[in-house]
């Protein structure tokens, strides 16, 4: 499942001894504690843990939305912790696609227009209609968000993230607002994008059942990595039960 531009098992991103502390007045809250991990090109990586375990903070640091209080983060050998604001902006624009629990679609734009917007900032975008076809929305491209179901809106959000052709797709609780059946359809879309477009997918979730579709699983507890497991035979999204 590796991206063709990457060597087998190439390390795409590496975090070493990363900590993140937030200050609330006089109180320092340590959210991440010495986290060391890698993201391998072409994999589906699940980061699993309960609320407050540091999952979203890890995603924000990987995505260049936040910086660690200690430790280092490298992307393809580049030290992101030393990157300028402009360099981080280019990193987010060119390398990262974000998918969040809530869809954040522009209400007065159609599905196709919502996806098209993201390609305008890309130097090498994918064909919008092809991406919408991949997520199963060919017959809904001219509908506005209010005319779409929750699952359809999430698939538009995924298409928007993918159409700008990022290397790394970061998904923060992408099924969290969806029912069981719709959630599995969204999982299927993410797995297909990994397998058919060679996108590296990081799936952030509190639901450990979803991790069964991943190649590797990082288990977080109280801001630290409790365990990293490899799944030799990930199951199909349709087989996931939660």
C-alpha atoms as a PDB file:
ATOM      1  CA  UNK A   1       0.000   0.000   0.000  1.00  0.00           C
ATOM      2  CA  UNK A   2       3.000   2.313  -0.126  1.00  0.00           C
ATOM      3  CA  UNK A   3       2.979   5.453  -2.209  1.00  0.00           C
ATOM      4  CA  UNK A   4       4.912   4.906  -5.446  1.00  0.00           C
ATOM      5  CA  UNK A   5       7.204   7.852  -4.678  1.00  0.00           C
ATOM      6  CA  UNK A   6       8.309   6.285  -1.391  1.00  0.00           C
ATOM      7  CA  UNK A   7      10.558   3.296  -0.738  1.00  0.00           C
ATOM      8  CA  UNK A   8       8.989   0.258   0.975  1.00  0.00           C
ATOM      9  CA  UNK A   9       8.428   0.914   4.681  1.00  0.00           C
ATOM     10  CA  UNK A  10       9.853   4.441   4.331  1.00  0.00           C
ATOM     11  CA  UNK A  11       9.366   6.674   7.344  1.00  0.00           C
ATOM     12  CA  UNK A  12       7.205   9.601   6.283  1.00  0.00           C
ATOM     13  CA  UNK A  13       7.001  11.362   9.638  1.00  0.00           C
ATOM     14  CA  UNK A  14       8.812  10.790  12.921  1.00  0.00           C
ATOM     15  CA  UNK A  15       8.118  12.181  16.378  1.00  0.00           C
ATOM     16  CA  UNK A  16      10.828  11.825  19.013  1.00  0.00           C
ATOM     17  CA  UNK A  17      10.255  12.430  22.732  1.00  0.00           C
ATOM     18  CA  UNK A  18       7.472  14.914  21.993  1.00  0.00           C
ATOM     19  CA  UNK A  19       5.755  16.615  24.897  1.00  0.00           C
ATOM     20  CA  UNK A  20       3.046  19.266  24.917  1.00  0.00           C
ATOM     21  CA  UNK A  21       2.130  21.374  27.912  1.00  0.00           C
ATOM     22  CA  UNK A  22      -0.670  23.927  28.020  1.00  0.00           C
ATOM     23  CA  UNK A  23      -0.870  26.650  30.653  1.00  0.00           C
ATOM     24  CA  UNK A  24      -4.162  27.573  32.269  1.00  0.00           C
ATOM     25  CA  UNK A  25      -3.320  30.544  34.431  1.00  0.00           C
ATOM     26  CA  UNK A  26      -0.854  29.291  37.033  1.00  0.00           C
ATOM     27  CA  UNK A  27      -1.547  25.648  36.210  1.00  0.00           C
ATOM     28  CA  UNK A  28       0.497  23.669  33.667  1.00  0.00           C
ATOM     29  CA  UNK A  29      -1.362  20.787  32.034  1.00  0.00           C
ATOM     30  CA  UNK A  30       0.874  18.151  30.453  1.00  0.00           C
ATOM     31  CA  UNK A  31      -1.127  16.709  27.537  1.00  0.00           C
ATOM     32  CA  UNK A  32       1.632  14.699  25.826  1.00  0.00           C
ATOM     33  CA  UNK A  33       4.509  13.011  27.642  1.00  0.00           C
ATOM     34  CA  UNK A  34       7.554  11.831  25.729  1.00  0.00           C
ATOM     35  CA  UNK A  35       5.746  10.513  22.659  1.00  0.00           C
ATOM     36  CA  UNK A  36       7.963   8.783  20.079  1.00  0.00           C
ATOM     37  CA  UNK A  37       6.305   7.309  16.982  1.00  0.00           C
ATOM     38  CA  UNK A  38       6.592   6.964  13.219  1.00  0.00           C
ATOM     39  CA  UNK A  39       4.185   7.158  10.301  1.00  0.00           C
ATOM     40  CA  UNK A  40       5.128   4.795   7.472  1.00  0.00           C
ATOM     41  CA  UNK A  41       4.377   5.780   3.876  1.00  0.00           C
ATOM     42  CA  UNK A  42       1.308   4.062   2.477  1.00  0.00           C
ATOM     43  CA  UNK A  43      -0.066   2.692   5.736  1.00  0.00           C
ATOM     44  CA  UNK A  44      -3.328   3.114   7.588  1.00  0.00           C
ATOM     45  CA  UNK A  45      -2.333   4.062  11.125  1.00  0.00           C
ATOM     46  CA  UNK A  46      -4.897   4.229  13.922  1.00  0.00           C
ATOM     47  CA  UNK A  47      -4.265   6.325  17.034  1.00  0.00           C
ATOM     48  CA  UNK A  48      -6.651   5.106  19.723  1.00  0.00           C
ATOM     49  CA  UNK A  49      -7.391   6.308  23.229  1.00  0.00           C
ATOM     50  CA  UNK A  50     -10.094   7.680  25.505  1.00  0.00           C
ATOM     51  CA  UNK A  51     -11.100  11.321  25.624  1.00  0.00           C
ATOM     52  CA  UNK A  52      -8.283  13.422  27.039  1.00  0.00           C
ATOM     53  CA  UNK A  53      -5.527  10.972  26.148  1.00  0.00           C
ATOM     54  CA  UNK A  54      -3.832  13.393  23.723  1.00  0.00           C
ATOM     55  CA  UNK A  55      -5.073  12.055  20.373  1.00  0.00           C
ATOM     56  CA  UNK A  56      -6.137  15.377  18.870  1.00  0.00           C
ATOM     57  CA  UNK A  57      -2.995  17.094  20.150  1.00  0.00           C
ATOM     58  CA  UNK A  58      -0.889  14.525  18.296  1.00  0.00           C
ATOM     59  CA  UNK A  59      -2.938  15.136  15.151  1.00  0.00           C
ATOM     60  CA  UNK A  60      -2.492  18.896  15.470  1.00  0.00           C
ATOM     61  CA  UNK A  61       1.279  18.513  15.837  1.00  0.00           C
ATOM     62  CA  UNK A  62       1.525  16.075  12.904  1.00  0.00           C
ATOM     63  CA  UNK A  63      -0.575  18.462  10.813  1.00  0.00           C
ATOM     64  CA  UNK A  64       1.510  21.529  11.626  1.00  0.00           C
ATOM     65  CA  UNK A  65      -1.358  23.216  13.474  1.00  0.00           C
ATOM     66  CA  UNK A  66       0.499  23.114  16.796  1.00  0.00           C
ATOM     67  CA  UNK A  67       4.100  22.824  17.972  1.00  0.00           C
ATOM     68  CA  UNK A  68       5.486  20.593  20.723  1.00  0.00           C
ATOM     69  CA  UNK A  69       6.757  22.036  23.988  1.00  0.00           C
ATOM     70  CA  UNK A  70       9.651  19.580  23.826  1.00  0.00           C
ATOM     71  CA  UNK A  71      11.019  17.001  21.409  1.00  0.00           C
ATOM     72  CA  UNK A  72      11.285  17.024  17.625  1.00  0.00           C
ATOM     73  CA  UNK A  73       9.132  16.202  14.609  1.00  0.00           C
ATOM     74  CA  UNK A  74      10.610  15.319  11.222  1.00  0.00           C
ATOM     75  CA  UNK A  75       8.741  15.034   7.929  1.00  0.00           C
ATOM     76  CA  UNK A  76      10.736  13.366   5.168  1.00  0.00           C
ATOM     77  CA  UNK A  77      13.850  14.351   7.066  1.00  0.00           C
ATOM     78  CA  UNK A  78      12.843  17.998   7.547  1.00  0.00           C
ATOM     79  CA  UNK A  79      12.690  19.245  11.128  1.00  0.00           C
ATOM     80  CA  UNK A  80       9.199  20.726  11.506  1.00  0.00           C
ATOM     81  CA  UNK A  81       9.977  22.020  14.998  1.00  0.00           C
ATOM     82  CA  UNK A  82      12.429  24.472  13.436  1.00  0.00           C
ATOM     83  CA  UNK A  83      10.202  25.411  10.498  1.00  0.00           C
ATOM     84  CA  UNK A  84       9.062  28.998  10.008  1.00  0.00           C
ATOM     85  CA  UNK A  85       5.409  30.005   9.904  1.00  0.00           C
ATOM     86  CA  UNK A  86       5.581  30.198   6.110  1.00  0.00           C
ATOM     87  CA  UNK A  87       7.184  26.768   5.842  1.00  0.00           C
ATOM     88  CA  UNK A  88       4.462  25.256   8.033  1.00  0.00           C
ATOM     89  CA  UNK A  89       1.799  26.903   5.880  1.00  0.00           C
ATOM     90  CA  UNK A  90       3.294  25.312   2.762  1.00  0.00           C
ATOM     91  CA  UNK A  91       3.560  21.976   4.585  1.00  0.00           C
ATOM     92  CA  UNK A  92      -0.141  22.046   5.478  1.00  0.00           C
ATOM     93  CA  UNK A  93      -1.098  23.169   1.976  1.00  0.00           C
ATOM     94  CA  UNK A  94       0.998  20.685   0.006  1.00  0.00           C
ATOM     95  CA  UNK A  95       1.307  17.629   2.222  1.00  0.00           C
ATOM     96  CA  UNK A  96      -1.681  17.414   4.587  1.00  0.00           C
ATOM     97  CA  UNK A  97      -5.388  16.745   4.101  1.00  0.00           C
ATOM     98  CA  UNK A  98      -7.613  17.195   7.169  1.00  0.00           C
ATOM     99  CA  UNK A  99     -10.889  15.387   7.858  1.00  0.00           C
ATOM    100  CA  UNK A 100     -12.682  16.312  11.071  1.00  0.00           C
ATOM    101  CA  UNK A 101     -15.687  14.965  12.945  1.00  0.00           C
ATOM    102  CA  UNK A 102     -17.758  17.952  11.852  1.00  0.00           C
ATOM    103  CA  UNK A 103     -17.829  18.590   8.135  1.00  0.00           C
ATOM    104  CA  UNK A 104     -17.282  22.377   7.930  1.00  0.00           C
ATOM    105  CA  UNK A 105     -18.708  22.604   4.426  1.00  0.00           C
ATOM    106  CA  UNK A 106     -19.572  25.970   2.884  1.00  0.00           C
ATOM    107  CA  UNK A 107     -23.396  25.945   2.983  1.00  0.00           C
ATOM    108  CA  UNK A 108     -23.984  28.018  -0.164  1.00  0.00           C
ATOM    109  CA  UNK A 109     -21.655  25.919  -2.329  1.00  0.00           C
ATOM    110  CA  UNK A 110     -22.596  22.628  -3.973  1.00  0.00           C
ATOM    111  CA  UNK A 111     -20.748  19.411  -3.184  1.00  0.00           C
ATOM    112  CA  UNK A 112     -18.602  19.840  -6.274  1.00  0.00           C
ATOM    113  CA  UNK A 113     -17.879  23.492  -5.508  1.00  0.00           C
ATOM    114  CA  UNK A 114     -16.895  22.631  -1.919  1.00  0.00           C
ATOM    115  CA  UNK A 115     -14.327  20.182  -3.275  1.00  0.00           C
ATOM    116  CA  UNK A 116     -13.194  22.492  -6.065  1.00  0.00           C
ATOM    117  CA  UNK A 117     -12.264  25.203  -3.550  1.00  0.00           C
ATOM    118  CA  UNK A 118      -9.503  23.040  -2.060  1.00  0.00           C
ATOM    119  CA  UNK A 119      -7.876  22.435  -5.456  1.00  0.00           C
ATOM    120  CA  UNK A 120      -7.359  26.161  -5.972  1.00  0.00           C
ATOM    121  CA  UNK A 121      -4.572  26.174  -3.361  1.00  0.00           C
ATOM    122  CA  UNK A 122      -2.926  23.013  -4.660  1.00  0.00           C
ATOM    123  CA  UNK A 123       0.061  22.823  -6.977  1.00  0.00           C
ATOM    124  CA  UNK A 124      -0.908  19.345  -8.200  1.00  0.00           C
ATOM    125  CA  UNK A 125      -4.631  18.733  -7.623  1.00  0.00           C
ATOM    126  CA  UNK A 126      -6.548  15.613  -8.557  1.00  0.00           C
ATOM    127  CA  UNK A 127      -9.534  15.636 -10.903  1.00  0.00           C
ATOM    128  CA  UNK A 128     -12.507  16.739  -8.795  1.00  0.00           C
ATOM    129  CA  UNK A 129     -15.092  14.630 -10.594  1.00  0.00           C
ATOM    130  CA  UNK A 130     -12.924  11.513 -10.286  1.00  0.00           C
ATOM    131  CA  UNK A 131     -12.513  12.048  -6.542  1.00  0.00           C
ATOM    132  CA  UNK A 132     -16.253  12.580  -6.098  1.00  0.00           C
ATOM    133  CA  UNK A 133     -16.843   9.378  -8.035  1.00  0.00           C
ATOM    134  CA  UNK A 134     -14.433   7.523  -5.745  1.00  0.00           C
ATOM    135  CA  UNK A 135     -16.387   8.602  -2.656  1.00  0.00           C
ATOM    136  CA  UNK A 136     -19.672   7.606  -4.300  1.00  0.00           C
ATOM    137  CA  UNK A 137     -21.184  11.037  -4.878  1.00  0.00           C
ATOM    138  CA  UNK A 138     -21.422  11.283  -8.656  1.00  0.00           C
ATOM    139  CA  UNK A 139     -25.198  11.738  -8.507  1.00  0.00           C
ATOM    140  CA  UNK A 140     -25.025  14.315  -5.690  1.00  0.00           C
ATOM    141  CA  UNK A 141     -22.423  16.760  -6.993  1.00  0.00           C
ATOM    142  CA  UNK A 142     -24.905  19.587  -7.573  1.00  0.00           C
ATOM    143  CA  UNK A 143     -26.558  19.297  -4.163  1.00  0.00           C
ATOM    144  CA  UNK A 144     -25.959  21.758  -1.357  1.00  0.00           C
ATOM    145  CA  UNK A 145     -24.869  20.520   2.106  1.00  0.00           C
ATOM    146  CA  UNK A 146     -28.389  20.978   3.530  1.00  0.00           C
ATOM    147  CA  UNK A 147     -29.639  18.557   0.871  1.00  0.00           C
ATOM    148  CA  UNK A 148     -27.135  15.860   1.843  1.00  0.00           C
ATOM    149  CA  UNK A 149     -27.192  13.307   4.655  1.00  0.00           C
ATOM    150  CA  UNK A 150     -24.531  13.349   7.362  1.00  0.00           C
ATOM    151  CA  UNK A 151     -22.624  10.526   5.690  1.00  0.00           C
ATOM    152  CA  UNK A 152     -22.757  12.270   2.329  1.00  0.00           C
ATOM    153  CA  UNK A 153     -21.495  15.503   3.870  1.00  0.00           C
ATOM    154  CA  UNK A 154     -18.601  13.632   5.464  1.00  0.00           C
ATOM    155  CA  UNK A 155     -17.742  12.067   2.109  1.00  0.00           C
ATOM    156  CA  UNK A 156     -17.712  15.562   0.559  1.00  0.00           C
ATOM    157  CA  UNK A 157     -15.351  16.628   3.345  1.00  0.00           C
ATOM    158  CA  UNK A 158     -13.099  13.645   2.600  1.00  0.00           C
ATOM    159  CA  UNK A 159     -13.178  14.422  -1.137  1.00  0.00           C
ATOM    160  CA  UNK A 160     -12.260  18.026  -0.357  1.00  0.00           C
ATOM    161  CA  UNK A 161      -9.266  16.881   1.681  1.00  0.00           C
ATOM    162  CA  UNK A 162      -8.113  14.403  -0.965  1.00  0.00           C
ATOM    163  CA  UNK A 163      -8.644  16.517  -4.098  1.00  0.00           C
ATOM    164  CA  UNK A 164      -5.713  18.783  -3.328  1.00  0.00           C
ATOM    165  CA  UNK A 165      -3.593  15.622  -3.509  1.00  0.00           C
ATOM    166  CA  UNK A 166      -1.924  15.534  -0.094  1.00  0.00           C
ATOM    167  CA  UNK A 167       0.550  12.863   0.931  1.00  0.00           C
ATOM    168  CA  UNK A 168      -0.921  12.423   4.391  1.00  0.00           C
ATOM    169  CA  UNK A 169      -4.635  12.271   5.247  1.00  0.00           C
ATOM    170  CA  UNK A 170      -5.359  13.089   8.908  1.00  0.00           C
ATOM    171  CA  UNK A 171      -8.804  12.013  10.106  1.00  0.00           C
ATOM    172  CA  UNK A 172      -9.984  13.126  13.552  1.00  0.00           C
ATOM    173  CA  UNK A 173     -12.990  11.021  14.665  1.00  0.00           C
ATOM    174  CA  UNK A 174     -14.335  10.904  11.079  1.00  0.00           C
ATOM    175  CA  UNK A 175     -17.216   8.585  12.056  1.00  0.00           C
ATOM    176  CA  UNK A 176     -17.930  10.209  15.420  1.00  0.00           C
ATOM    177  CA  UNK A 177     -21.092  12.014  14.313  1.00  0.00           C
ATOM    178  CA  UNK A 178     -22.398   9.132  12.192  1.00  0.00           C
ATOM    179  CA  UNK A 179     -24.518   6.071  12.825  1.00  0.00           C
ATOM    180  CA  UNK A 180     -23.102   2.544  12.614  1.00  0.00           C
ATOM    181  CA  UNK A 181     -24.003   1.822   8.981  1.00  0.00           C
ATOM    182  CA  UNK A 182     -22.970   5.244   7.663  1.00  0.00           C
ATOM    183  CA  UNK A 183     -19.760   5.154   9.690  1.00  0.00           C
ATOM    184  CA  UNK A 184     -18.711   1.912   7.999  1.00  0.00           C
ATOM    185  CA  UNK A 185     -19.321   3.475   4.576  1.00  0.00           C
ATOM    186  CA  UNK A 186     -17.013   6.342   5.490  1.00  0.00           C
ATOM    187  CA  UNK A 187     -14.385   3.861   6.708  1.00  0.00           C
ATOM    188  CA  UNK A 188     -14.653   2.067   3.367  1.00  0.00           C
ATOM    189  CA  UNK A 189     -13.990   5.339   1.539  1.00  0.00           C
ATOM    190  CA  UNK A 190     -10.840   5.961   3.618  1.00  0.00           C
ATOM    191  CA  UNK A 191      -9.524   2.435   3.038  1.00  0.00           C
ATOM    192  CA  UNK A 192     -10.218   2.703  -0.704  1.00  0.00           C
ATOM    193  CA  UNK A 193      -8.343   5.993  -0.900  1.00  0.00           C
ATOM    194  CA  UNK A 194      -5.397   4.348   0.842  1.00  0.00           C
ATOM    195  CA  UNK A 195      -5.403   1.351  -1.480  1.00  0.00           C
ATOM    196  CA  UNK A 196      -6.316   3.022  -4.773  1.00  0.00           C
ATOM    197  CA  UNK A 197      -4.593   6.407  -4.458  1.00  0.00           C
ATOM    198  CA  UNK A 198      -1.752   5.320  -2.129  1.00  0.00           C
ATOM    199  CA  UNK A 199      -2.709   7.895   0.476  1.00  0.00           C
ATOM    200  CA  UNK A 200      -1.185   7.466   3.920  1.00  0.00           C
ATOM    201  CA  UNK A 201      -4.100   7.627   6.380  1.00  0.00           C
ATOM    202  CA  UNK A 202      -3.953   8.445  10.084  1.00  0.00           C
ATOM    203  CA  UNK A 203      -7.207   7.630  11.844  1.00  0.00           C
ATOM    204  CA  UNK A 204      -7.721   9.269  15.244  1.00  0.00           C
ATOM    205  CA  UNK A 205     -10.490   7.610  17.224  1.00  0.00           C
ATOM    206  CA  UNK A 206     -11.709   6.721  20.709  1.00  0.00           C
ATOM    207  CA  UNK A 207     -13.440   3.657  19.225  1.00  0.00           C
ATOM    208  CA  UNK A 208     -10.934   0.788  19.315  1.00  0.00           C
ATOM    209  CA  UNK A 209     -13.151  -1.323  17.022  1.00  0.00           C
ATOM    210  CA  UNK A 210     -12.362   0.999  14.095  1.00  0.00           C
ATOM    211  CA  UNK A 211      -8.649   0.291  14.502  1.00  0.00           C
ATOM    212  CA  UNK A 212      -9.178  -3.193  13.082  1.00  0.00           C
ATOM    213  CA  UNK A 213      -9.016  -1.739   9.547  1.00  0.00           C
ATOM    214  CA  UNK A 214      -5.531  -0.315  10.199  1.00  0.00           C
ATOM    215  CA  UNK A 215      -2.073  -1.744   9.552  1.00  0.00           C
ATOM    216  CA  UNK A 216      -0.765  -0.475  12.888  1.00  0.00           C
ATOM    217  CA  UNK A 217      -2.404   0.812  16.056  1.00  0.00           C
ATOM    218  CA  UNK A 218      -0.940   3.251  18.580  1.00  0.00           C
ATOM    219  CA  UNK A 219      -2.707   3.059  21.939  1.00  0.00           C
ATOM    220  CA  UNK A 220      -2.586   6.264  24.005  1.00  0.00           C
ATOM    221  CA  UNK A 221      -3.175   6.549  27.703  1.00  0.00           C
ATOM    222  CA  UNK A 222      -2.878   9.781  29.710  1.00  0.00           C
ATOM    223  CA  UNK A 223      -0.741  11.482  27.076  1.00  0.00           C
ATOM    224  CA  UNK A 224       1.742   8.634  26.613  1.00  0.00           C
ATOM    225  CA  UNK A 225       1.996   5.650  24.278  1.00  0.00           C
ATOM    226  CA  UNK A 226       0.862   2.554  26.141  1.00  0.00           C
ATOM    227  CA  UNK A 227       1.319   0.099  23.270  1.00  0.00           C
ATOM    228  CA  UNK A 228       1.938  -0.147  19.528  1.00  0.00           C
ATOM    229  CA  UNK A 229       0.499  -3.165  17.744  1.00  0.00           C
ATOM    230  CA  UNK A 230       0.723  -4.375  14.162  1.00  0.00           C
ATOM    231  CA  UNK A 231      -2.274  -5.966  12.452  1.00  0.00           C
ATOM    232  CA  UNK A 232      -1.126  -8.600   9.969  1.00  0.00           C
ATOM    233  CA  UNK A 233      -4.531  -8.899   8.304  1.00  0.00           C
ATOM    234  CA  UNK A 234      -6.700  -5.776   8.713  1.00  0.00           C
ATOM    235  CA  UNK A 235     -10.392  -6.539   8.372  1.00  0.00           C
ATOM    236  CA  UNK A 236     -12.707  -4.984   5.805  1.00  0.00           C
ATOM    237  CA  UNK A 237     -14.687  -1.946   7.023  1.00  0.00           C
ATOM    238  CA  UNK A 238     -17.899  -3.867   6.377  1.00  0.00           C
ATOM    239  CA  UNK A 239     -16.858  -6.407   9.030  1.00  0.00           C
ATOM    240  CA  UNK A 240     -16.259  -3.875  11.796  1.00  0.00           C
ATOM    241  CA  UNK A 241     -18.724  -4.117  14.689  1.00  0.00           C
ATOM    242  CA  UNK A 242     -19.073  -1.578  17.483  1.00  0.00           C
END
